[in-house]
Amino acid sequence: MSPNVIAIGYQVCFIIIPTISAVGGAFVVYVTIRSKHKDHRIRQDICCYLQLVPLFGFCLSVTLLLGVAADRLMSFSKY
């Protein structure tokens, strides 16, 4: 038998994070279906503030992924 290729900590993260994501998505669908109010309104400034963190994460993830890709490419190159 070969040893585990992926560490136990990573295996746990790879199981827990998608599970939390799926459960959260299911809750969003459940609340949307169960909602009785037809006129959900939120102030524009609050909506903007609530969307800032995911927007920064979305924009920075591309930069971080590019950095990881460049690091992996340089690790295979011979100097």
PDB file of N, CA and C in Angstrom:
ATOM      1  N   MET A   1       0.822  -1.175   0.000  1.00  0.00           N
ATOM      2  CA  MET A   1       0.000   0.000   0.000  1.00  0.00           C
ATOM      3  C   MET A   1       0.876   1.252   0.000  1.00  0.00           C
ATOM      4  N   SER A   2       0.467   2.239  -0.750  1.00  0.00           N
ATOM      5  CA  SER A   2       1.205   3.498  -0.778  1.00  0.00           C
ATOM      6  C   SER A   2       0.699   4.408   0.347  1.00  0.00           C
ATOM      7  N   PRO A   3       1.555   5.298   0.818  1.00  0.00           N
ATOM      8  CA  PRO A   3       1.117   6.208   1.881  1.00  0.00           C
ATOM      9  C   PRO A   3       0.109   7.217   1.333  1.00  0.00           C
ATOM     10  N   ASN A   4      -0.595   7.858   2.250  1.00  0.00           N
ATOM     11  CA  ASN A   4      -1.561   8.875   1.835  1.00  0.00           C
ATOM     12  C   ASN A   4      -0.847  10.003   1.105  1.00  0.00           C
ATOM     13  N   VAL A   5      -1.352  10.346  -0.051  1.00  0.00           N
ATOM     14  CA  VAL A   5      -0.751  11.412  -0.840  1.00  0.00           C
ATOM     15  C   VAL A   5      -1.173  12.772  -0.287  1.00  0.00           C
ATOM     16  N   ILE A   6      -2.412  12.872   0.137  1.00  0.00           N
ATOM     17  CA  ILE A   6      -2.939  14.122   0.676  1.00  0.00           C
ATOM     18  C   ILE A   6      -3.003  14.000   2.197  1.00  0.00           C
ATOM     19  N   ALA A   7      -2.521  15.007   2.886  1.00  0.00           N
ATOM     20  CA  ALA A   7      -2.517  14.991   4.346  1.00  0.00           C
ATOM     21  C   ALA A   7      -3.943  14.957   4.890  1.00  0.00           C
ATOM     22  N   ILE A   8      -4.073  14.447   6.095  1.00  0.00           N
ATOM     23  CA  ILE A   8      -5.392  14.308   6.721  1.00  0.00           C
ATOM     24  C   ILE A   8      -6.073  15.671   6.875  1.00  0.00           C
ATOM     25  N   GLY A   9      -5.326  16.694   7.235  1.00  0.00           N
ATOM     26  CA  GLY A   9      -5.906  18.032   7.390  1.00  0.00           C
ATOM     27  C   GLY A   9      -6.528  18.545   6.106  1.00  0.00           C
ATOM     28  N   TYR A  10      -5.834  18.322   4.993  1.00  0.00           N
ATOM     29  CA  TYR A  10      -6.385  18.736   3.705  1.00  0.00           C
ATOM     30  C   TYR A  10      -7.613  17.908   3.336  1.00  0.00           C
ATOM     31  N   GLN A  11      -7.594  16.634   3.627  1.00  0.00           N
ATOM     32  CA  GLN A  11      -8.750  15.791   3.343  1.00  0.00           C
ATOM     33  C   GLN A  11      -9.970  16.278   4.108  1.00  0.00           C
ATOM     34  N   VAL A  12      -9.769  16.643   5.364  1.00  0.00           N
ATOM     35  CA  VAL A  12     -10.877  17.154   6.172  1.00  0.00           C
ATOM     36  C   VAL A  12     -11.402  18.456   5.578  1.00  0.00           C
ATOM     37  N   CYS A  13     -10.495  19.358   5.183  1.00  0.00           N
ATOM     38  CA  CYS A  13     -10.925  20.623   4.579  1.00  0.00           C
ATOM     39  C   CYS A  13     -11.666  20.392   3.269  1.00  0.00           C
ATOM     40  N   PHE A  14     -11.190  19.443   2.471  1.00  0.00           N
ATOM     41  CA  PHE A  14     -11.837  19.167   1.194  1.00  0.00           C
ATOM     42  C   PHE A  14     -13.213  18.543   1.378  1.00  0.00           C
ATOM     43  N   ILE A  15     -13.492  17.991   2.537  1.00  0.00           N
ATOM     44  CA  ILE A  15     -14.814  17.437   2.816  1.00  0.00           C
ATOM     45  C   ILE A  15     -15.709  18.483   3.473  1.00  0.00           C
ATOM     46  N   ILE A  16     -15.173  19.232   4.435  1.00  0.00           N
ATOM     47  CA  ILE A  16     -15.994  20.161   5.214  1.00  0.00           C
ATOM     48  C   ILE A  16     -16.402  21.388   4.405  1.00  0.00           C
ATOM     49  N   ILE A  17     -15.479  21.993   3.684  1.00  0.00           N
ATOM     50  CA  ILE A  17     -15.787  23.239   2.975  1.00  0.00           C
ATOM     51  C   ILE A  17     -16.865  23.044   1.906  1.00  0.00           C
ATOM     52  N   PRO A  18     -16.795  22.024   1.034  1.00  0.00           N
ATOM     53  CA  PRO A  18     -17.899  21.840   0.086  1.00  0.00           C
ATOM     54  C   PRO A  18     -19.221  21.488   0.766  1.00  0.00           C
ATOM     55  N   THR A  19     -19.154  20.793   1.899  1.00  0.00           N
ATOM     56  CA  THR A  19     -20.382  20.464   2.622  1.00  0.00           C
ATOM     57  C   THR A  19     -21.040  21.727   3.159  1.00  0.00           C
ATOM     58  N   ILE A  20     -20.252  22.614   3.741  1.00  0.00           N
ATOM     59  CA  ILE A  20     -20.800  23.883   4.231  1.00  0.00           C
ATOM     60  C   ILE A  20     -21.383  24.686   3.076  1.00  0.00           C
ATOM     61  N   SER A  21     -20.713  24.680   1.948  1.00  0.00           N
ATOM     62  CA  SER A  21     -21.201  25.406   0.773  1.00  0.00           C
ATOM     63  C   SER A  21     -22.534  24.846   0.286  1.00  0.00           C
ATOM     64  N   ALA A  22     -22.641  23.528   0.220  1.00  0.00           N
ATOM     65  CA  ALA A  22     -23.889  22.907  -0.244  1.00  0.00           C
ATOM     66  C   ALA A  22     -25.028  23.170   0.728  1.00  0.00           C
ATOM     67  N   VAL A  23     -24.751  23.071   2.020  1.00  0.00           N
ATOM     68  CA  VAL A  23     -25.795  23.325   3.023  1.00  0.00           C
ATOM     69  C   VAL A  23     -26.218  24.788   2.978  1.00  0.00           C
ATOM     70  N   GLY A  24     -25.262  25.705   2.843  1.00  0.00           N
ATOM     71  CA  GLY A  24     -25.594  27.123   2.742  1.00  0.00           C
ATOM     72  C   GLY A  24     -26.436  27.426   1.515  1.00  0.00           C
ATOM     73  N   GLY A  25     -26.097  26.820   0.385  1.00  0.00           N
ATOM     74  CA  GLY A  25     -26.903  27.000  -0.825  1.00  0.00           C
ATOM     75  C   GLY A  25     -28.305  26.451  -0.660  1.00  0.00           C
ATOM     76  N   ALA A  26     -28.415  25.312   0.021  1.00  0.00           N
ATOM     77  CA  ALA A  26     -29.736  24.731   0.273  1.00  0.00           C
ATOM     78  C   ALA A  26     -30.564  25.641   1.175  1.00  0.00           C
ATOM     79  N   PHE A  27     -29.919  26.259   2.180  1.00  0.00           N
ATOM     80  CA  PHE A  27     -30.642  27.190   3.051  1.00  0.00           C
ATOM     81  C   PHE A  27     -31.125  28.411   2.278  1.00  0.00           C
ATOM     82  N   VAL A  28     -30.324  28.906   1.362  1.00  0.00           N
ATOM     83  CA  VAL A  28     -30.739  30.056   0.557  1.00  0.00           C
ATOM     84  C   VAL A  28     -31.966  29.703  -0.275  1.00  0.00           C
ATOM     85  N   VAL A  29     -31.958  28.532  -0.890  1.00  0.00           N
ATOM     86  CA  VAL A  29     -33.114  28.095  -1.678  1.00  0.00           C
ATOM     87  C   VAL A  29     -34.328  27.918  -0.777  1.00  0.00           C
ATOM     88  N   TYR A  30     -34.145  27.318   0.392  1.00  0.00           N
ATOM     89  CA  TYR A  30     -35.244  27.092   1.331  1.00  0.00           C
ATOM     90  C   TYR A  30     -35.866  28.410   1.776  1.00  0.00           C
ATOM     91  N   VAL A  31     -35.028  29.376   2.150  1.00  0.00           N
ATOM     92  CA  VAL A  31     -35.545  30.666   2.608  1.00  0.00           C
ATOM     93  C   VAL A  31     -36.234  31.397   1.467  1.00  0.00           C
ATOM     94  N   THR A  32     -35.712  31.285   0.261  1.00  0.00           N
ATOM     95  CA  THR A  32     -36.342  31.935  -0.888  1.00  0.00           C
ATOM     96  C   THR A  32     -37.727  31.364  -1.142  1.00  0.00           C
ATOM     97  N   ILE A  33     -37.867  30.057  -1.034  1.00  0.00           N
ATOM     98  CA  ILE A  33     -39.165  29.424  -1.268  1.00  0.00           C
ATOM     99  C   ILE A  33     -40.136  29.750  -0.141  1.00  0.00           C
ATOM    100  N   ARG A  34     -39.672  29.738   1.102  1.00  0.00           N
ATOM    101  CA  ARG A  34     -40.537  29.958   2.259  1.00  0.00           C
ATOM    102  C   ARG A  34     -40.905  31.424   2.470  1.00  0.00           C
ATOM    103  N   SER A  35     -40.222  32.329   1.823  1.00  0.00           N
ATOM    104  CA  SER A  35     -40.459  33.750   2.046  1.00  0.00           C
ATOM    105  C   SER A  35     -41.841  34.140   1.541  1.00  0.00           C
ATOM    106  N   LYS A  36     -42.575  34.839   2.370  1.00  0.00           N
ATOM    107  CA  LYS A  36     -43.929  35.266   2.008  1.00  0.00           C
ATOM    108  C   LYS A  36     -43.975  36.720   1.546  1.00  0.00           C
ATOM    109  N   HIS A  37     -42.948  37.499   1.859  1.00  0.00           N
ATOM    110  CA  HIS A  37     -42.952  38.913   1.515  1.00  0.00           C
ATOM    111  C   HIS A  37     -42.593  39.095   0.043  1.00  0.00           C
ATOM    112  N   LYS A  38     -43.368  39.910  -0.624  1.00  0.00           N
ATOM    113  CA  LYS A  38     -43.127  40.155  -2.045  1.00  0.00           C
ATOM    114  C   LYS A  38     -42.265  41.391  -2.282  1.00  0.00           C
ATOM    115  N   ASP A  39     -42.107  42.219  -1.266  1.00  0.00           N
ATOM    116  CA  ASP A  39     -41.383  43.478  -1.466  1.00  0.00           C
ATOM    117  C   ASP A  39     -40.158  43.558  -0.557  1.00  0.00           C
ATOM    118  N   HIS A  40     -39.174  42.722  -0.827  1.00  0.00           N
ATOM    119  CA  HIS A  40     -37.930  42.770  -0.073  1.00  0.00           C
ATOM    120  C   HIS A  40     -37.118  43.962  -0.555  1.00  0.00           C
ATOM    121  N   ARG A  41     -36.814  44.838   0.351  1.00  0.00           N
ATOM    122  CA  ARG A  41     -36.048  46.034   0.002  1.00  0.00           C
ATOM    123  C   ARG A  41     -34.898  46.182   0.981  1.00  0.00           C
ATOM    124  N   ILE A  42     -33.770  46.606   0.467  1.00  0.00           N
ATOM    125  CA  ILE A  42     -32.613  46.913   1.290  1.00  0.00           C
ATOM    126  C   ILE A  42     -32.032  48.211   0.753  1.00  0.00           C
ATOM    127  N   ARG A  43     -31.550  49.043   1.661  1.00  0.00           N
ATOM    128  CA  ARG A  43     -30.987  50.316   1.221  1.00  0.00           C
ATOM    129  C   ARG A  43     -29.775  50.074   0.339  1.00  0.00           C
ATOM    130  N   GLN A  44     -29.559  50.990  -0.590  1.00  0.00           N
ATOM    131  CA  GLN A  44     -28.492  50.813  -1.572  1.00  0.00           C
ATOM    132  C   GLN A  44     -27.114  50.831  -0.926  1.00  0.00           C
ATOM    133  N   ASP A  45     -26.893  51.681   0.071  1.00  0.00           N
ATOM    134  CA  ASP A  45     -25.574  51.734   0.701  1.00  0.00           C
ATOM    135  C   ASP A  45     -25.279  50.458   1.481  1.00  0.00           C
ATOM    136  N   ILE A  46     -26.276  49.889   2.151  1.00  0.00           N
ATOM    137  CA  ILE A  46     -26.078  48.628   2.875  1.00  0.00           C
ATOM    138  C   ILE A  46     -25.807  47.496   1.891  1.00  0.00           C
ATOM    139  N   CYS A  47     -26.526  47.484   0.782  1.00  0.00           N
ATOM    140  CA  CYS A  47     -26.305  46.460  -0.242  1.00  0.00           C
ATOM    141  C   CYS A  47     -24.880  46.550  -0.784  1.00  0.00           C
ATOM    142  N   CYS A  48     -24.407  47.758  -0.999  1.00  0.00           N
ATOM    143  CA  CYS A  48     -23.039  47.955  -1.498  1.00  0.00           C
ATOM    144  C   CYS A  48     -22.022  47.446  -0.491  1.00  0.00           C
ATOM    145  N   TYR A  49     -22.210  47.775   0.790  1.00  0.00           N
ATOM    146  CA  TYR A  49     -21.275  47.321   1.824  1.00  0.00           C
ATOM    147  C   TYR A  49     -21.281  45.803   1.958  1.00  0.00           C
ATOM    148  N   LEU A  50     -22.435  45.180   1.827  1.00  0.00           N
ATOM    149  CA  LEU A  50     -22.516  43.725   1.940  1.00  0.00           C
ATOM    150  C   LEU A  50     -21.819  43.026   0.779  1.00  0.00           C
ATOM    151  N   GLN A  51     -21.729  43.690  -0.356  1.00  0.00           N
ATOM    152  CA  GLN A  51     -21.117  43.070  -1.522  1.00  0.00           C
ATOM    153  C   GLN A  51     -19.630  43.380  -1.666  1.00  0.00           C
ATOM    154  N   LEU A  52     -19.082  44.254  -0.819  1.00  0.00           N
ATOM    155  CA  LEU A  52     -17.681  44.640  -0.955  1.00  0.00           C
ATOM    156  C   LEU A  52     -16.719  43.489  -0.673  1.00  0.00           C
ATOM    157  N   VAL A  53     -16.931  42.751   0.409  1.00  0.00           N
ATOM    158  CA  VAL A  53     -16.005  41.672   0.772  1.00  0.00           C
ATOM    159  C   VAL A  53     -15.979  40.577  -0.296  1.00  0.00           C
ATOM    160  N   PRO A  54     -17.134  40.063  -0.758  1.00  0.00           N
ATOM    161  CA  PRO A  54     -17.065  39.065  -1.832  1.00  0.00           C
ATOM    162  C   PRO A  54     -16.449  39.613  -3.119  1.00  0.00           C
ATOM    163  N   LEU A  55     -16.678  40.888  -3.399  1.00  0.00           N
ATOM    164  CA  LEU A  55     -16.097  41.485  -4.601  1.00  0.00           C
ATOM    165  C   LEU A  55     -14.578  41.565  -4.499  1.00  0.00           C
ATOM    166  N   PHE A  56     -14.060  41.971  -3.340  1.00  0.00           N
ATOM    167  CA  PHE A  56     -12.612  41.986  -3.147  1.00  0.00           C
ATOM    168  C   PHE A  56     -12.040  40.580  -3.243  1.00  0.00           C
ATOM    169  N   GLY A  57     -12.725  39.606  -2.654  1.00  0.00           N
ATOM    170  CA  GLY A  57     -12.257  38.225  -2.742  1.00  0.00           C
ATOM    171  C   GLY A  57     -12.229  37.729  -4.171  1.00  0.00           C
ATOM    172  N   PHE A  58     -13.253  38.070  -4.934  1.00  0.00           N
ATOM    173  CA  PHE A  58     -13.315  37.660  -6.333  1.00  0.00           C
ATOM    174  C   PHE A  58     -12.173  38.275  -7.132  1.00  0.00           C
ATOM    175  N   CYS A  59     -11.922  39.559  -6.912  1.00  0.00           N
ATOM    176  CA  CYS A  59     -10.868  40.238  -7.666  1.00  0.00           C
ATOM    177  C   CYS A  59      -9.477  39.766  -7.254  1.00  0.00           C
ATOM    178  N   LEU A  60      -9.256  39.545  -5.971  1.00  0.00           N
ATOM    179  CA  LEU A  60      -7.934  39.142  -5.507  1.00  0.00           C
ATOM    180  C   LEU A  60      -7.639  37.678  -5.786  1.00  0.00           C
ATOM    181  N   SER A  61      -8.665  36.852  -5.929  1.00  0.00           N
ATOM    182  CA  SER A  61      -8.412  35.431  -6.174  1.00  0.00           C
ATOM    183  C   SER A  61      -7.717  35.219  -7.513  1.00  0.00           C
ATOM    184  N   VAL A  62      -8.028  36.036  -8.500  1.00  0.00           N
ATOM    185  CA  VAL A  62      -7.370  35.921  -9.799  1.00  0.00           C
ATOM    186  C   VAL A  62      -5.889  36.247  -9.659  1.00  0.00           C
ATOM    187  N   THR A  63      -5.575  37.287  -8.904  1.00  0.00           N
ATOM    188  CA  THR A  63      -4.181  37.671  -8.691  1.00  0.00           C
ATOM    189  C   THR A  63      -3.428  36.587  -7.936  1.00  0.00           C
ATOM    190  N   LEU A  64      -4.045  36.040  -6.898  1.00  0.00           N
ATOM    191  CA  LEU A  64      -3.393  34.984  -6.135  1.00  0.00           C
ATOM    192  C   LEU A  64      -3.180  33.736  -6.981  1.00  0.00           C
ATOM    193  N   LEU A  65      -4.151  33.405  -7.809  1.00  0.00           N
ATOM    194  CA  LEU A  65      -4.018  32.243  -8.680  1.00  0.00           C
ATOM    195  C   LEU A  65      -2.905  32.455  -9.700  1.00  0.00           C
ATOM    196  N   LEU A  66      -2.782  33.662 -10.220  1.00  0.00           N
ATOM    197  CA  LEU A  66      -1.694  33.970 -11.149  1.00  0.00           C
ATOM    198  C   LEU A  66      -0.343  33.837 -10.461  1.00  0.00           C
ATOM    199  N   GLY A  67      -0.254  34.296  -9.219  1.00  0.00           N
ATOM    200  CA  GLY A  67       0.986  34.157  -8.465  1.00  0.00           C
ATOM    201  C   GLY A  67       1.353  32.705  -8.214  1.00  0.00           C
ATOM    202  N   VAL A  68       0.380  31.883  -7.874  1.00  0.00           N
ATOM    203  CA  VAL A  68       0.639  30.458  -7.656  1.00  0.00           C
ATOM    204  C   VAL A  68       1.064  29.791  -8.961  1.00  0.00           C
ATOM    205  N   ALA A  69       0.403  30.145 -10.064  1.00  0.00           N
ATOM    206  CA  ALA A  69       0.763  29.560 -11.357  1.00  0.00           C
ATOM    207  C   ALA A  69       2.182  29.957 -11.758  1.00  0.00           C
ATOM    208  N   ALA A  70       2.547  31.207 -11.540  1.00  0.00           N
ATOM    209  CA  ALA A  70       3.910  31.643 -11.864  1.00  0.00           C
ATOM    210  C   ALA A  70       4.927  30.934 -10.983  1.00  0.00           C
ATOM    211  N   ASP A  71       4.610  30.747  -9.707  1.00  0.00           N
ATOM    212  CA  ASP A  71       5.504  30.038  -8.795  1.00  0.00           C
ATOM    213  C   ASP A  71       5.694  28.591  -9.238  1.00  0.00           C
ATOM    214  N   ARG A  72       4.623  27.934  -9.619  1.00  0.00           N
ATOM    215  CA  ARG A  72       4.721  26.544 -10.082  1.00  0.00           C
ATOM    216  C   ARG A  72       5.510  26.462 -11.377  1.00  0.00           C
ATOM    217  N   LEU A  73       5.311  27.421 -12.263  1.00  0.00           N
ATOM    218  CA  LEU A  73       6.043  27.429 -13.529  1.00  0.00           C
ATOM    219  C   LEU A  73       7.535  27.637 -13.293  1.00  0.00           C
ATOM    220  N   MET A  74       7.878  28.534 -12.378  1.00  0.00           N
ATOM    221  CA  MET A  74       9.292  28.775 -12.083  1.00  0.00           C
ATOM    222  C   MET A  74       9.926  27.601 -11.352  1.00  0.00           C
ATOM    223  N   SER A  75       9.142  26.852 -10.598  1.00  0.00           N
ATOM    224  CA  SER A  75       9.722  25.719  -9.872  1.00  0.00           C
ATOM    225  C   SER A  75      10.117  24.593 -10.828  1.00  0.00           C
ATOM    226  N   PHE A  76       9.494  24.528 -11.997  1.00  0.00           N
ATOM    227  CA  PHE A  76       9.841  23.499 -12.976  1.00  0.00           C
ATOM    228  C   PHE A  76      10.922  23.952 -13.950  1.00  0.00           C
ATOM    229  N   SER A  77      11.223  25.239 -13.958  1.00  0.00           N
ATOM    230  CA  SER A  77      12.215  25.771 -14.898  1.00  0.00           C
ATOM    231  C   SER A  77      13.623  25.545 -14.376  1.00  0.00           C
ATOM    232  N   LYS A  78      14.551  25.373 -15.308  1.00  0.00           N
ATOM    233  CA  LYS A  78      15.964  25.239 -14.956  1.00  0.00           C
ATOM    234  C   LYS A  78      16.650  26.565 -15.217  1.00  0.00           C
ATOM    235  N   TYR A  79      17.486  26.986 -14.272  1.00  0.00           N
ATOM    236  CA  TYR A  79      18.196  28.254 -14.421  1.00  0.00           C
ATOM    237  C   TYR A  79      19.657  27.997 -14.616  1.00  0.00           C
TER     238      TYR A  79
END
